[in-house]
Amino acid sequence: MAAVRGPGGAPSSVRGSAISGQKRGRGVEDFAEAIVRKVFDDQFVARCTFTGPRGKTAKCDFAIPANADARILIESKGHGATGSKMTDIIGDIEKIIAAQRPDTAFLFFTDGLTWKQRRRPAQDR
């Protein structure tokens, strides 16, 4: 019996895990956005590219109060798997830190499940 394949030829179980991870990640983003909205009302920009000093840019989930003059940057991630995706997240965080102003606060919001299981990517940096 042939293996069931999803779009792009990936085994359906792999595809199912990826979709589950995306849903979990979006759920964490939505949860973080509800908190940001409660605290800052509508004084934020969601899922944007912000501009830091000397024109450096990076993507983030929330820039407060605006992406052109961010004083607080928030990145939110929720994933149910360890591996290269976690290393990618560390790279995203490094880009934000490199682009942000020195007086801008950066908050990383995560479900924490896989970070507790695998601390190595954060410790390698």
Protein backbone atom coordinates (compact mmCIF):
# COMPACT_ATOMS: atom_id res chain seq x y z
CA MET A 1 0.00 0.00 0.00
CA ALA A 2 1.40 3.39 -0.99
CA ALA A 3 1.98 6.09 1.63
CA VAL A 4 -0.61 8.84 1.66
CA ARG A 5 0.98 12.07 0.47
CA GLY A 6 -0.12 15.62 1.13
CA PRO A 7 0.37 18.70 -1.05
CA GLY A 8 3.95 19.02 -2.28
CA GLY A 9 4.55 15.29 -1.88
CA ALA A 10 5.10 15.32 1.90
CA PRO A 11 3.69 12.34 3.82
CA SER A 12 0.26 13.28 5.15
CA SER A 13 1.35 12.72 8.77
CA VAL A 14 4.18 15.26 8.31
CA ARG A 15 1.78 17.67 6.64
CA GLY A 16 -0.71 17.16 9.51
CA SER A 17 1.98 17.98 12.08
CA ALA A 18 2.94 21.12 10.17
CA ILE A 19 -0.67 22.31 10.02
CA SER A 20 -1.12 21.54 13.71
CA GLY A 21 2.02 23.59 14.48
CA GLN A 22 0.76 26.49 12.36
CA LYS A 23 -2.59 26.47 14.19
CA ARG A 24 -0.80 26.39 17.56
CA GLY A 25 1.45 29.28 16.47
CA ARG A 26 -1.51 31.34 15.29
CA GLY A 27 -3.32 30.59 18.54
CA VAL A 28 -0.37 31.98 20.52
CA GLU A 29 -0.32 35.07 18.28
CA ASP A 30 -4.06 35.59 18.77
CA PHE A 31 -3.70 35.20 22.54
CA ALA A 32 -0.83 37.71 22.60
CA GLU A 33 -2.83 40.12 20.43
CA ALA A 34 -5.78 40.00 22.83
CA ILE A 35 -3.45 41.04 25.67
CA VAL A 36 -1.78 43.76 23.56
CA ARG A 37 -5.19 45.11 22.52
CA LYS A 38 -6.42 45.14 26.13
CA VAL A 39 -3.36 47.05 27.35
CA PHE A 40 -2.71 49.36 24.38
CA ASP A 41 -6.19 49.60 22.82
CA ASP A 42 -5.56 50.24 19.11
CA GLN A 43 -2.16 51.91 19.58
CA PHE A 44 -0.13 49.14 17.91
CA VAL A 45 0.60 47.63 14.51
CA ALA A 46 0.25 43.87 14.10
CA ARG A 47 2.30 41.55 11.86
CA CYS A 48 4.50 44.22 10.39
CA THR A 49 7.99 45.25 9.41
CA PHE A 50 9.40 47.89 11.75
CA THR A 51 12.17 50.35 11.07
CA GLY A 52 14.96 50.86 13.58
CA PRO A 53 17.97 53.16 13.62
CA ARG A 54 19.92 53.72 10.42
CA GLY A 55 17.01 52.29 8.43
CA LYS A 56 17.43 48.70 9.64
CA THR A 57 14.22 46.69 9.33
CA ALA A 58 12.87 43.42 10.68
CA LYS A 59 9.53 41.67 10.93
CA CYS A 60 7.68 41.37 14.23
CA ASP A 61 4.22 40.43 15.41
CA PHE A 62 3.50 43.70 17.24
CA ALA A 63 5.10 47.15 17.17
CA ILE A 64 3.90 49.63 19.79
CA PRO A 65 2.83 52.37 19.19
CA ALA A 66 3.77 52.14 15.48
CA ASN A 67 6.21 50.35 13.21
CA ALA A 68 7.99 53.60 12.29
CA ASP A 69 8.66 54.56 15.92
CA ALA A 70 8.42 51.35 17.93
CA ARG A 71 9.04 51.58 21.67
CA ILE A 72 7.94 48.00 22.34
CA LEU A 73 8.37 45.05 19.98
CA ILE A 74 6.69 41.70 20.55
CA GLU A 75 7.30 38.42 18.79
CA SER A 76 5.02 35.47 19.59
CA LYS A 77 5.61 31.85 18.66
CA GLY A 78 3.96 28.58 19.51
CA HIS A 79 5.29 25.33 18.09
CA GLY A 80 4.84 21.69 18.99
CA ALA A 81 8.03 20.35 17.47
CA THR A 82 11.72 20.70 18.13
CA GLY A 83 14.37 20.94 15.46
CA SER A 84 15.23 23.41 12.74
CA LYS A 85 12.06 25.47 13.24
CA MET A 86 13.30 26.47 16.70
CA THR A 87 16.65 27.46 15.21
CA ASP A 88 14.74 29.59 12.65
CA ILE A 89 12.93 31.33 15.52
CA ILE A 90 16.26 32.19 17.16
CA GLY A 91 17.32 33.72 13.82
CA ASP A 92 14.11 35.80 13.71
CA ILE A 93 14.76 37.04 17.24
CA GLU A 94 18.35 37.97 16.37
CA LYS A 95 17.11 40.02 13.39
CA ILE A 96 14.70 41.94 15.63
CA ILE A 97 17.40 42.62 18.22
CA ALA A 98 19.84 43.78 15.52
CA ALA A 99 17.29 46.19 14.02
CA GLN A 100 15.67 47.61 17.16
CA ARG A 101 16.55 50.90 18.80
CA PRO A 102 18.60 50.62 22.02
CA ASP A 103 15.73 52.14 24.04
CA THR A 104 13.09 49.77 22.63
CA ALA A 105 11.82 46.91 24.78
CA PHE A 106 11.62 43.49 23.14
CA LEU A 107 9.28 40.79 24.45
CA PHE A 108 9.22 37.20 23.25
CA PHE A 109 5.94 35.46 23.94
CA THR A 110 5.82 31.67 23.54
CA ASP A 111 3.79 28.69 24.68
CA GLY A 112 7.02 27.43 26.23
CA LEU A 113 6.34 23.77 25.58
CA THR A 114 9.19 22.95 23.25
CA TRP A 115 11.61 25.54 24.62
CA LYS A 116 11.63 23.69 27.92
CA GLN A 117 12.35 20.41 26.14
CA ARG A 118 15.12 21.79 23.99
CA ARG A 119 17.18 24.63 25.42
CA ARG A 120 20.13 24.03 23.14
CA PRO A 121 19.19 26.46 20.29
CA ALA A 122 18.96 29.38 22.71
CA GLN A 123 22.16 28.40 24.50
CA ASP A 124 24.09 28.06 21.21
CA ARG A 125 23.57 31.72 20.41
